[in-house]
N, C-alpha and C. Protein backbone atom coordinates (compact mmCIF):
# COMPACT_ATOMS: atom_id res chain seq x y z
N MET A 1 33.81 -2.62 97.54
CA MET A 1 33.87 -2.11 98.91
C MET A 1 32.87 -0.96 99.07
N TYR A 2 32.19 -0.96 100.20
CA TYR A 2 31.18 0.07 100.49
C TYR A 2 31.62 0.87 101.71
N ILE A 3 31.54 2.19 101.59
CA ILE A 3 31.96 3.09 102.67
C ILE A 3 30.79 3.99 103.05
N TYR A 4 30.54 4.09 104.36
CA TYR A 4 29.46 4.94 104.89
C TYR A 4 30.05 5.91 105.90
N LEU A 5 29.76 7.20 105.73
CA LEU A 5 30.36 8.22 106.59
C LEU A 5 29.32 9.21 107.12
N ASP A 6 29.57 9.67 108.33
CA ASP A 6 28.73 10.69 108.97
C ASP A 6 29.66 11.58 109.79
N GLU A 7 29.27 12.82 110.02
CA GLU A 7 30.14 13.72 110.79
C GLU A 7 29.59 13.94 112.20
N SER A 8 30.48 14.25 113.11
CA SER A 8 30.08 14.67 114.45
C SER A 8 31.09 15.72 114.90
N TYR A 9 30.61 16.72 115.62
CA TYR A 9 31.53 17.80 115.98
C TYR A 9 30.98 18.61 117.16
N ASN A 10 31.88 19.34 117.76
CA ASN A 10 31.51 20.31 118.79
C ASN A 10 32.25 21.60 118.48
N LEU A 11 31.48 22.62 118.13
CA LEU A 11 32.07 23.92 117.82
C LEU A 11 31.62 25.00 118.80
N LYS A 12 30.65 24.70 119.63
CA LYS A 12 30.03 25.72 120.47
C LYS A 12 30.40 25.62 121.95
N ASP A 13 30.39 24.41 122.48
CA ASP A 13 30.61 24.24 123.91
C ASP A 13 32.11 24.32 124.23
N ARG A 14 32.52 25.46 124.75
CA ARG A 14 33.94 25.69 125.02
C ARG A 14 34.41 24.98 126.29
N ASP A 15 33.49 24.43 127.05
CA ASP A 15 33.87 23.69 128.26
C ASP A 15 34.28 22.26 127.92
N LYS A 16 34.06 21.86 126.67
CA LYS A 16 34.43 20.52 126.23
C LYS A 16 35.37 20.63 125.03
N LYS A 17 35.98 19.51 124.68
CA LYS A 17 36.87 19.51 123.54
C LYS A 17 36.13 19.94 122.28
N GLN A 18 36.69 20.92 121.58
CA GLN A 18 36.08 21.38 120.33
C GLN A 18 36.79 20.70 119.16
N PHE A 19 36.01 20.07 118.32
CA PHE A 19 36.61 19.31 117.22
C PHE A 19 35.58 19.07 116.12
N ILE A 20 36.09 18.65 114.99
CA ILE A 20 35.28 18.17 113.88
C ILE A 20 35.77 16.77 113.56
N SER A 21 34.85 15.84 113.42
CA SER A 21 35.26 14.48 113.06
C SER A 21 34.32 13.91 112.01
N ILE A 22 34.87 13.03 111.20
CA ILE A 22 34.08 12.28 110.22
C ILE A 22 34.33 10.81 110.50
N ASN A 23 33.25 10.07 110.67
CA ASN A 23 33.36 8.69 111.13
C ASN A 23 32.41 7.78 110.37
N GLY A 24 32.69 6.51 110.43
CA GLY A 24 31.81 5.56 109.77
C GLY A 24 32.45 4.19 109.68
N PHE A 25 32.17 3.51 108.58
CA PHE A 25 32.71 2.16 108.44
C PHE A 25 32.82 1.78 106.96
N MET A 26 33.61 0.75 106.72
CA MET A 26 33.71 0.18 105.38
C MET A 26 33.45 -1.32 105.48
N VAL A 27 32.79 -1.86 104.47
CA VAL A 27 32.38 -3.26 104.51
C VAL A 27 32.32 -3.80 103.09
N PHE A 28 32.71 -5.04 102.93
CA PHE A 28 32.65 -5.67 101.60
C PHE A 28 31.29 -6.35 101.39
N ASP A 29 30.88 -7.18 102.34
CA ASP A 29 29.60 -7.88 102.23
C ASP A 29 28.48 -7.00 102.78
N VAL A 30 28.11 -5.99 102.00
CA VAL A 30 27.16 -4.98 102.47
C VAL A 30 25.77 -5.59 102.66
N ALA A 31 25.40 -6.57 101.86
CA ALA A 31 24.07 -7.18 101.97
C ALA A 31 23.89 -7.88 103.31
N LYS A 32 24.93 -8.55 103.77
CA LYS A 32 24.87 -9.28 105.04
C LYS A 32 24.71 -8.31 106.21
N VAL A 33 25.47 -7.21 106.17
CA VAL A 33 25.41 -6.22 107.25
C VAL A 33 24.07 -5.49 107.22
N ARG A 34 23.57 -5.19 106.04
CA ARG A 34 22.27 -4.53 105.93
C ARG A 34 21.17 -5.41 106.52
N LYS A 35 21.23 -6.69 106.23
CA LYS A 35 20.24 -7.63 106.76
C LYS A 35 20.31 -7.68 108.28
N ALA A 36 21.52 -7.70 108.83
CA ALA A 36 21.70 -7.75 110.28
C ALA A 36 21.17 -6.48 110.95
N TRP A 37 21.42 -5.32 110.33
CA TRP A 37 20.95 -4.05 110.90
C TRP A 37 19.43 -3.94 110.79
N LEU A 38 18.87 -4.42 109.69
CA LEU A 38 17.41 -4.43 109.54
C LEU A 38 16.76 -5.21 110.68
N LYS A 39 17.34 -6.35 111.00
CA LYS A 39 16.82 -7.18 112.09
C LYS A 39 16.97 -6.48 113.43
N ALA A 40 18.11 -5.82 113.66
CA ALA A 40 18.38 -5.17 114.93
C ALA A 40 17.44 -4.00 115.17
N ARG A 41 17.12 -3.25 114.13
CA ARG A 41 16.31 -2.03 114.27
C ARG A 41 14.81 -2.29 114.23
N LYS A 42 14.41 -3.47 113.84
CA LYS A 42 13.00 -3.76 113.64
C LYS A 42 12.12 -3.43 114.84
N PRO A 43 12.53 -3.75 116.09
CA PRO A 43 11.67 -3.42 117.25
C PRO A 43 11.49 -1.93 117.49
N TYR A 44 12.28 -1.08 116.82
CA TYR A 44 12.28 0.35 117.12
C TYR A 44 11.63 1.21 116.03
N VAL A 45 11.35 0.63 114.89
CA VAL A 45 10.95 1.46 113.75
C VAL A 45 9.61 2.16 113.93
N LYS A 46 8.73 1.62 114.77
CA LYS A 46 7.41 2.22 114.92
C LYS A 46 7.35 3.25 116.05
N LYS A 47 8.45 3.42 116.79
CA LYS A 47 8.44 4.35 117.92
C LYS A 47 8.59 5.80 117.45
N GLN A 48 9.65 6.09 116.73
CA GLN A 48 9.92 7.41 116.18
C GLN A 48 11.15 7.28 115.30
N ARG A 49 11.49 8.35 114.61
CA ARG A 49 12.66 8.28 113.75
C ARG A 49 13.91 7.97 114.57
N ILE A 50 14.68 7.03 114.12
CA ILE A 50 15.84 6.54 114.88
C ILE A 50 17.00 7.52 114.78
N HIS A 51 17.48 7.97 115.95
CA HIS A 51 18.66 8.84 116.04
C HIS A 51 19.56 8.31 117.14
N ALA A 52 20.86 8.30 116.88
CA ALA A 52 21.81 7.72 117.82
C ALA A 52 21.84 8.45 119.16
N HIS A 53 21.57 9.77 119.16
CA HIS A 53 21.72 10.54 120.39
C HIS A 53 20.54 10.41 121.35
N LYS A 54 19.46 9.76 120.92
CA LYS A 54 18.28 9.62 121.77
C LYS A 54 18.41 8.39 122.65
N LYS A 55 18.11 8.56 123.95
CA LYS A 55 18.31 7.49 124.93
C LYS A 55 17.48 6.25 124.62
N ILE A 56 16.32 6.46 124.02
CA ILE A 56 15.43 5.34 123.74
C ILE A 56 16.07 4.33 122.79
N PHE A 57 17.05 4.79 122.01
CA PHE A 57 17.71 3.92 121.04
C PHE A 57 19.08 3.44 121.49
N MET A 58 19.41 3.64 122.75
CA MET A 58 20.71 3.21 123.25
C MET A 58 21.00 1.73 123.02
N PRO A 59 20.01 0.82 123.17
CA PRO A 59 20.29 -0.60 122.91
C PRO A 59 20.78 -0.87 121.49
N LEU A 60 20.41 -0.01 120.56
CA LEU A 60 20.85 -0.20 119.18
C LEU A 60 22.36 0.05 119.02
N ARG A 61 22.92 0.86 119.90
CA ARG A 61 24.37 1.09 119.85
C ARG A 61 25.10 -0.23 120.10
N LYS A 62 24.63 -0.98 121.09
CA LYS A 62 25.22 -2.29 121.38
C LYS A 62 25.06 -3.23 120.20
N LYS A 63 23.90 -3.18 119.55
CA LYS A 63 23.65 -4.03 118.39
C LYS A 63 24.62 -3.69 117.25
N ALA A 64 24.89 -2.41 117.08
CA ALA A 64 25.82 -1.99 116.02
C ALA A 64 27.20 -2.59 116.26
N PHE A 65 27.64 -2.57 117.52
CA PHE A 65 28.95 -3.13 117.83
C PHE A 65 28.97 -4.65 117.69
N GLU A 66 27.85 -5.29 117.96
CA GLU A 66 27.78 -6.74 117.76
C GLU A 66 27.92 -7.09 116.29
N ILE A 67 27.31 -6.29 115.43
CA ILE A 67 27.42 -6.50 113.99
C ILE A 67 28.86 -6.30 113.53
N ILE A 68 29.51 -5.27 114.07
CA ILE A 68 30.91 -5.00 113.75
C ILE A 68 31.79 -6.18 114.16
N ARG A 69 31.53 -6.68 115.37
CA ARG A 69 32.34 -7.77 115.92
C ARG A 69 32.21 -9.05 115.11
N MET A 70 31.01 -9.32 114.60
CA MET A 70 30.73 -10.60 113.96
C MET A 70 30.92 -10.56 112.44
N ASN A 71 31.26 -9.40 111.90
CA ASN A 71 31.43 -9.29 110.46
C ASN A 71 32.71 -8.52 110.15
N GLN A 72 33.09 -8.57 108.89
CA GLN A 72 34.29 -7.83 108.47
C GLN A 72 33.90 -6.38 108.20
N VAL A 73 33.63 -5.69 109.29
CA VAL A 73 33.29 -4.27 109.25
C VAL A 73 34.44 -3.51 109.89
N TYR A 74 34.96 -2.53 109.18
CA TYR A 74 36.11 -1.78 109.69
C TYR A 74 35.72 -0.33 109.94
N LEU A 75 36.02 0.15 111.12
CA LEU A 75 35.66 1.51 111.50
C LEU A 75 36.61 2.52 110.87
N LEU A 76 36.07 3.68 110.56
CA LEU A 76 36.85 4.77 109.96
C LEU A 76 36.63 6.04 110.77
N SER A 77 37.69 6.78 111.01
CA SER A 77 37.53 8.02 111.76
C SER A 77 38.69 8.97 111.50
N VAL A 78 38.35 10.24 111.32
CA VAL A 78 39.35 11.30 111.30
C VAL A 78 38.84 12.40 112.21
N ILE A 79 39.71 12.89 113.08
CA ILE A 79 39.34 13.96 114.00
C ILE A 79 40.32 15.11 113.87
N GLN A 80 39.79 16.32 113.93
CA GLN A 80 40.62 17.51 113.94
C GLN A 80 40.19 18.41 115.08
N GLU A 81 41.09 18.61 116.06
CA GLU A 81 40.81 19.53 117.14
C GLU A 81 40.93 20.97 116.61
N ILE A 82 39.96 21.79 116.97
CA ILE A 82 39.85 23.13 116.40
C ILE A 82 41.09 23.98 116.67
N HIS A 83 41.62 23.91 117.89
CA HIS A 83 42.74 24.79 118.24
C HIS A 83 44.04 24.38 117.55
N LEU A 84 44.04 23.23 116.89
CA LEU A 84 45.24 22.77 116.20
C LEU A 84 45.17 22.93 114.68
N ILE A 85 44.08 23.52 114.19
CA ILE A 85 43.95 23.74 112.76
C ILE A 85 44.91 24.86 112.32
N SER A 86 45.59 24.63 111.24
CA SER A 86 46.55 25.61 110.72
C SER A 86 45.88 26.97 110.49
N THR A 87 46.59 28.03 110.86
CA THR A 87 46.08 29.39 110.65
C THR A 87 46.73 30.07 109.44
N LYS A 88 47.53 29.32 108.68
CA LYS A 88 48.16 29.89 107.49
C LYS A 88 47.10 30.28 106.46
N LYS A 89 47.19 31.47 105.93
CA LYS A 89 46.17 31.98 105.01
C LYS A 89 46.00 31.10 103.78
N GLU A 90 47.12 30.56 103.29
CA GLU A 90 47.05 29.76 102.07
C GLU A 90 46.27 28.46 102.26
N LYS A 91 46.12 28.04 103.51
CA LYS A 91 45.35 26.83 103.79
C LYS A 91 43.85 27.08 103.67
N GLY A 92 43.42 28.29 104.00
CA GLY A 92 42.02 28.66 103.84
C GLY A 92 41.07 28.08 104.87
N TYR A 93 41.60 27.71 106.05
CA TYR A 93 40.75 27.10 107.06
C TYR A 93 40.03 28.12 107.95
N TRP A 94 40.45 29.39 107.86
CA TRP A 94 39.83 30.42 108.70
C TRP A 94 39.40 31.61 107.84
N GLU A 95 38.25 32.15 108.17
CA GLU A 95 37.75 33.36 107.54
C GLU A 95 37.58 34.39 108.65
N LYS A 96 38.55 35.31 108.75
CA LYS A 96 38.63 36.22 109.88
C LYS A 96 38.78 35.38 111.15
N ASP A 97 37.82 35.44 112.07
CA ASP A 97 37.94 34.66 113.30
C ASP A 97 37.04 33.41 113.29
N LYS A 98 36.45 33.13 112.14
CA LYS A 98 35.54 31.98 112.05
C LYS A 98 36.15 30.88 111.21
N ILE A 99 35.86 29.65 111.61
CA ILE A 99 36.37 28.51 110.89
C ILE A 99 35.61 28.33 109.57
N ASN A 100 36.34 28.01 108.52
CA ASN A 100 35.73 27.69 107.23
C ASN A 100 35.37 26.21 107.26
N PHE A 101 34.18 25.93 107.75
CA PHE A 101 33.77 24.55 108.00
C PHE A 101 33.83 23.71 106.72
N GLU A 102 33.37 24.26 105.60
CA GLU A 102 33.32 23.50 104.35
C GLU A 102 34.72 23.08 103.91
N LYS A 103 35.69 23.98 104.03
CA LYS A 103 37.06 23.67 103.64
C LYS A 103 37.65 22.60 104.56
N VAL A 104 37.42 22.74 105.86
CA VAL A 104 37.92 21.75 106.81
C VAL A 104 37.26 20.39 106.55
N TYR A 105 35.96 20.41 106.30
CA TYR A 105 35.21 19.17 106.08
C TYR A 105 35.74 18.41 104.86
N ILE A 106 35.91 19.11 103.75
CA ILE A 106 36.35 18.43 102.53
C ILE A 106 37.79 17.92 102.66
N ASP A 107 38.64 18.66 103.36
CA ASP A 107 40.02 18.20 103.53
C ASP A 107 40.10 17.01 104.49
N LEU A 108 39.22 16.97 105.48
CA LEU A 108 39.17 15.80 106.37
C LEU A 108 38.69 14.58 105.61
N CYS A 109 37.69 14.76 104.74
CA CYS A 109 37.23 13.65 103.89
C CYS A 109 38.37 13.14 103.02
N ARG A 110 39.10 14.08 102.44
CA ARG A 110 40.26 13.71 101.62
C ARG A 110 41.24 12.85 102.42
N LYS A 111 41.63 13.36 103.59
CA LYS A 111 42.63 12.66 104.40
C LYS A 111 42.17 11.25 104.76
N LEU A 112 40.88 11.12 105.10
CA LEU A 112 40.37 9.82 105.50
C LEU A 112 40.30 8.85 104.31
N LEU A 113 39.70 9.29 103.22
CA LEU A 113 39.53 8.41 102.07
C LEU A 113 40.85 8.05 101.40
N PHE A 114 41.78 9.00 101.36
CA PHE A 114 43.05 8.74 100.71
C PHE A 114 43.99 7.89 101.57
N SER A 115 43.62 7.67 102.83
CA SER A 115 44.43 6.82 103.69
C SER A 115 44.09 5.34 103.52
N LEU A 116 43.00 5.06 102.79
CA LEU A 116 42.55 3.68 102.60
C LEU A 116 43.19 3.07 101.35
N ARG A 117 43.40 1.79 101.39
CA ARG A 117 43.99 1.09 100.23
C ARG A 117 42.88 0.66 99.28
N LEU A 118 42.30 1.63 98.62
CA LEU A 118 41.16 1.34 97.76
C LEU A 118 41.56 0.64 96.47
N ASP A 119 42.85 0.62 96.15
CA ASP A 119 43.30 -0.06 94.94
C ASP A 119 43.21 -1.58 95.07
N GLU A 120 42.85 -2.06 96.26
CA GLU A 120 42.68 -3.50 96.45
C GLU A 120 41.32 -3.98 95.97
N TYR A 121 40.45 -3.04 95.57
CA TYR A 121 39.08 -3.40 95.19
C TYR A 121 38.79 -2.97 93.75
N LYS A 122 37.85 -3.67 93.14
CA LYS A 122 37.45 -3.35 91.76
C LYS A 122 36.46 -2.19 91.72
N LYS A 123 35.65 -2.09 92.78
CA LYS A 123 34.60 -1.07 92.81
C LYS A 123 34.46 -0.52 94.22
N VAL A 124 34.29 0.78 94.33
CA VAL A 124 34.10 1.42 95.63
C VAL A 124 32.88 2.33 95.55
N VAL A 125 31.96 2.15 96.49
CA VAL A 125 30.77 2.98 96.58
C VAL A 125 30.82 3.76 97.89
N ILE A 126 30.80 5.07 97.81
CA ILE A 126 30.90 5.93 99.00
C ILE A 126 29.57 6.62 99.24
N THR A 127 29.02 6.45 100.43
CA THR A 127 27.76 7.08 100.81
C THR A 127 28.00 7.95 102.02
N ILE A 128 27.63 9.22 101.92
CA ILE A 128 27.87 10.18 103.00
C ILE A 128 26.55 10.82 103.41
N ASP A 129 26.36 10.94 104.71
CA ASP A 129 25.14 11.56 105.21
C ASP A 129 25.01 12.98 104.68
N ASN A 130 23.87 13.25 104.09
CA ASN A 130 23.62 14.57 103.52
C ASN A 130 23.60 15.63 104.62
N ARG A 131 24.29 16.72 104.42
CA ARG A 131 24.36 17.77 105.41
C ARG A 131 24.18 19.11 104.72
N LYS A 132 23.83 20.11 105.49
CA LYS A 132 23.64 21.44 104.91
C LYS A 132 24.97 22.00 104.44
N ASN A 133 24.93 22.59 103.28
CA ASN A 133 26.11 23.25 102.73
C ASN A 133 25.74 24.69 102.45
N LYS A 134 26.53 25.62 102.94
CA LYS A 134 26.16 27.03 102.79
C LYS A 134 26.09 27.47 101.33
N SER A 135 26.72 26.70 100.45
CA SER A 135 26.65 26.98 99.02
C SER A 135 25.55 26.19 98.33
N GLY A 136 24.74 25.49 99.11
CA GLY A 136 23.61 24.76 98.58
C GLY A 136 24.01 23.61 97.67
N ILE A 137 23.18 23.36 96.66
CA ILE A 137 23.40 22.24 95.74
C ILE A 137 24.72 22.41 94.99
N ILE A 138 25.07 23.64 94.65
CA ILE A 138 26.33 23.88 93.94
C ILE A 138 27.51 23.43 94.78
N GLY A 139 27.49 23.79 96.06
CA GLY A 139 28.56 23.39 96.97
C GLY A 139 28.67 21.89 97.10
N LYS A 140 27.52 21.21 97.17
CA LYS A 140 27.53 19.75 97.28
C LYS A 140 28.09 19.10 96.02
N ASN A 141 27.71 19.64 94.86
CA ASN A 141 28.22 19.08 93.61
C ASN A 141 29.72 19.29 93.46
N ILE A 142 30.19 20.45 93.91
CA ILE A 142 31.64 20.72 93.88
C ILE A 142 32.37 19.71 94.76
N PHE A 143 31.83 19.47 95.95
CA PHE A 143 32.42 18.50 96.87
C PHE A 143 32.50 17.13 96.22
N ARG A 144 31.40 16.69 95.62
CA ARG A 144 31.35 15.36 94.99
C ARG A 144 32.34 15.25 93.84
N GLU A 145 32.43 16.30 93.04
CA GLU A 145 33.34 16.30 91.90
C GLU A 145 34.80 16.24 92.34
N ILE A 146 35.12 17.01 93.38
CA ILE A 146 36.51 17.03 93.88
C ILE A 146 36.92 15.65 94.38
N ILE A 147 36.07 15.04 95.20
CA ILE A 147 36.39 13.73 95.76
C ILE A 147 36.51 12.69 94.65
N LYS A 148 35.54 12.68 93.74
CA LYS A 148 35.56 11.70 92.65
C LYS A 148 36.80 11.87 91.78
N SER A 149 37.10 13.10 91.39
CA SER A 149 38.24 13.36 90.51
C SER A 149 39.55 12.93 91.15
N GLU A 150 39.73 13.28 92.42
CA GLU A 150 41.00 12.96 93.08
C GLU A 150 41.14 11.46 93.35
N LEU A 151 40.04 10.80 93.68
CA LEU A 151 40.09 9.35 93.89
C LEU A 151 40.36 8.62 92.58
N ASN A 152 39.74 9.08 91.49
CA ASN A 152 39.97 8.44 90.19
C ASN A 152 41.40 8.63 89.72
N THR A 153 41.99 9.79 90.06
CA THR A 153 43.38 10.02 89.70
C THR A 153 44.31 9.11 90.48
N ARG A 154 43.98 8.93 91.76
CA ARG A 154 44.83 8.10 92.62
C ARG A 154 44.64 6.61 92.35
N TYR A 155 43.39 6.23 92.01
CA TYR A 155 43.08 4.82 91.79
C TYR A 155 42.43 4.64 90.41
N PRO A 156 43.21 4.78 89.34
CA PRO A 156 42.64 4.74 87.99
C PRO A 156 42.02 3.40 87.60
N ASP A 157 42.41 2.33 88.26
CA ASP A 157 41.91 1.00 87.91
C ASP A 157 40.71 0.58 88.74
N VAL A 158 40.24 1.47 89.60
CA VAL A 158 39.09 1.17 90.46
C VAL A 158 37.88 1.96 89.99
N LEU A 159 36.74 1.29 89.91
CA LEU A 159 35.51 1.98 89.54
C LEU A 159 34.98 2.74 90.74
N ILE A 160 35.08 4.06 90.71
CA ILE A 160 34.62 4.91 91.80
C ILE A 160 33.70 5.98 91.23
N LYS A 161 32.46 5.94 91.60
CA LYS A 161 31.50 6.94 91.14
C LYS A 161 31.52 8.14 92.09
N LYS A 162 30.75 9.15 91.74
CA LYS A 162 30.62 10.30 92.63
C LYS A 162 30.05 9.83 93.97
N PRO A 163 30.54 10.36 95.09
CA PRO A 163 29.96 9.99 96.39
C PRO A 163 28.47 10.27 96.43
N ARG A 164 27.73 9.38 97.04
CA ARG A 164 26.30 9.59 97.24
C ARG A 164 26.11 10.45 98.48
N LEU A 165 25.40 11.56 98.35
CA LEU A 165 25.07 12.43 99.48
C LEU A 165 23.58 12.30 99.71
N VAL A 166 23.20 11.51 100.70
CA VAL A 166 21.78 11.22 100.92
C VAL A 166 21.46 11.34 102.41
N PRO A 167 20.21 11.65 102.75
CA PRO A 167 19.82 11.69 104.17
C PRO A 167 19.83 10.30 104.78
N SER A 168 20.11 10.23 106.07
CA SER A 168 20.20 8.92 106.74
C SER A 168 18.89 8.16 106.66
N SER A 169 17.77 8.88 106.52
CA SER A 169 16.47 8.23 106.45
C SER A 169 16.28 7.44 105.15
N SER A 170 17.13 7.69 104.16
CA SER A 170 16.98 7.01 102.87
C SER A 170 17.90 5.81 102.73
N ASP A 171 18.78 5.60 103.69
CA ASP A 171 19.68 4.44 103.66
C ASP A 171 19.95 4.02 105.09
N ILE A 172 19.47 2.84 105.46
CA ILE A 172 19.56 2.43 106.86
C ILE A 172 21.00 2.20 107.32
N LEU A 173 21.93 1.97 106.39
CA LEU A 173 23.31 1.81 106.83
C LEU A 173 23.95 3.14 107.18
N LEU A 174 23.40 4.23 106.67
CA LEU A 174 23.82 5.54 107.17
C LEU A 174 23.33 5.73 108.60
N GLU A 175 22.21 5.12 108.89
CA GLU A 175 21.67 5.13 110.25
C GLU A 175 22.65 4.43 111.20
N MET A 176 23.17 3.30 110.76
CA MET A 176 24.17 2.59 111.54
C MET A 176 25.44 3.42 111.67
N ALA A 177 25.82 4.12 110.59
CA ALA A 177 26.98 5.00 110.64
C ALA A 177 26.77 6.12 111.65
N ASP A 178 25.53 6.55 111.81
CA ASP A 178 25.20 7.59 112.78
C ASP A 178 25.51 7.10 114.20
N PHE A 179 25.19 5.86 114.50
CA PHE A 179 25.50 5.30 115.82
C PHE A 179 27.01 5.20 116.03
N ILE A 180 27.72 4.80 114.99
CA ILE A 180 29.17 4.71 115.09
C ILE A 180 29.79 6.09 115.27
N SER A 181 29.30 7.07 114.51
CA SER A 181 29.84 8.43 114.61
C SER A 181 29.55 9.03 115.98
N ASN A 182 28.35 8.78 116.49
CA ASN A 182 28.00 9.28 117.81
C ASN A 182 28.86 8.62 118.89
N SER A 183 29.23 7.37 118.68
CA SER A 183 30.11 6.67 119.62
C SER A 183 31.50 7.28 119.60
N PHE A 184 31.98 7.63 118.40
CA PHE A 184 33.28 8.31 118.31
C PHE A 184 33.21 9.68 118.97
N TYR A 185 32.09 10.37 118.83
CA TYR A 185 31.91 11.67 119.48
C TYR A 185 32.10 11.52 120.99
N LYS A 186 31.43 10.56 121.59
CA LYS A 186 31.55 10.33 123.03
C LYS A 186 32.96 9.89 123.40
N TYR A 187 33.56 9.10 122.54
CA TYR A 187 34.92 8.61 122.76
C TYR A 187 35.92 9.77 122.79
N TYR A 188 35.80 10.68 121.84
CA TYR A 188 36.71 11.82 121.80
C TYR A 188 36.45 12.80 122.94
N GLN A 189 35.20 12.98 123.32
CA GLN A 189 34.87 13.88 124.43
C GLN A 189 35.38 13.34 125.75
N ALA A 190 35.48 12.02 125.84
CA ALA A 190 35.98 11.39 127.07
C ALA A 190 37.49 11.16 127.00
N ASN A 191 38.16 11.92 126.13
CA ASN A 191 39.61 11.80 125.96
C ASN A 191 40.02 10.37 125.59
N GLU A 192 39.28 9.82 124.62
CA GLU A 192 39.58 8.54 124.01
C GLU A 192 39.57 7.40 125.02
N GLN A 193 38.49 7.32 125.75
CA GLN A 193 38.24 6.20 126.65
C GLN A 193 36.78 5.78 126.46
N GLY A 194 36.51 4.53 126.71
CA GLY A 194 35.12 4.09 126.64
C GLY A 194 34.91 2.89 125.74
N GLU A 195 33.67 2.70 125.32
CA GLU A 195 33.26 1.47 124.66
C GLU A 195 33.98 1.21 123.34
N LEU A 196 34.48 2.23 122.69
CA LEU A 196 35.16 2.02 121.41
C LEU A 196 36.54 1.40 121.56
N SER A 197 37.09 1.46 122.75
CA SER A 197 38.47 1.01 122.95
C SER A 197 38.69 -0.43 122.49
N ASP A 198 37.69 -1.28 122.66
CA ASP A 198 37.83 -2.69 122.28
C ASP A 198 37.79 -2.90 120.77
N PHE A 199 37.41 -1.87 120.01
CA PHE A 199 37.25 -2.02 118.56
C PHE A 199 38.34 -1.33 117.76
N LEU A 200 39.28 -0.70 118.44
CA LEU A 200 40.26 0.09 117.71
C LEU A 200 41.19 -0.75 116.84
N ILE A 201 41.24 -2.06 117.13
CA ILE A 201 42.04 -2.95 116.30
C ILE A 201 41.46 -3.03 114.89
N LYS A 202 40.19 -2.68 114.76
CA LYS A 202 39.52 -2.71 113.46
C LYS A 202 39.22 -1.29 112.97
N THR A 203 40.07 -0.35 113.35
CA THR A 203 39.80 1.06 113.04
C THR A 203 40.94 1.71 112.27
N ASN A 204 40.58 2.44 111.24
CA ASN A 204 41.52 3.31 110.54
C ASN A 204 41.26 4.72 111.09
N LYS A 205 42.14 5.21 111.97
CA LYS A 205 41.90 6.47 112.67
C LYS A 205 43.04 7.45 112.38
N ILE A 206 42.66 8.67 112.03
CA ILE A 206 43.64 9.74 111.77
C ILE A 206 43.33 10.89 112.71
N LYS A 207 44.39 11.43 113.31
CA LYS A 207 44.21 12.48 114.30
C LYS A 207 44.94 13.76 113.89
N ASN A 208 44.21 14.86 113.88
CA ASN A 208 44.74 16.19 113.62
C ASN A 208 45.64 16.28 112.37
N PRO A 209 45.08 15.97 111.19
CA PRO A 209 45.88 16.04 109.96
C PRO A 209 46.00 17.44 109.37
N LEU A 210 45.26 18.43 109.92
CA LEU A 210 45.24 19.76 109.31
C LEU A 210 46.04 20.76 110.12
N LYS A 211 47.13 20.34 110.71
CA LYS A 211 47.96 21.25 111.50
C LYS A 211 48.68 22.23 110.59
């Protein structure tokens, strides 16, 4: 089983819902989906670097959903609204009046990954969009070690390596995950209405697990 994840969040605009979410998909036949996405993106590769939030690439969002519809691709999402995050000191989610983003991020990853029945598979490969970590490479390695160790403890009979933390430009399926994550962003901002509604039957979604 192959899992691809990307984050989307709003921490600044107080006129809209403030939240942190991690979204993506899981797929068994990764080669088939990669081939389909390669074909879908081909007309756009020479224009500029592909990003889900740019209007010029809006048609690719529809293509991503077509691939989901026609293949065994399952959406994954965990969202945490900022005002509902626990303020208990022992949780470590707040530093004075600022959110401890790294702590929230790793716990959301935990909640999402541990909600999946990964013991049904012999091998699991997790790829996560590389993001800035205030602790740099050390912080990223700590994150990878924590996730790997806890998953191996929970699923001792499954081959699970350290999560791959790579930029979306180095793996086109992270690019597809970017479109899915951006769609979840719009879905959550619109109070869970919109184009994703038809796909929720194929979604593992967790809401506000860090209360």
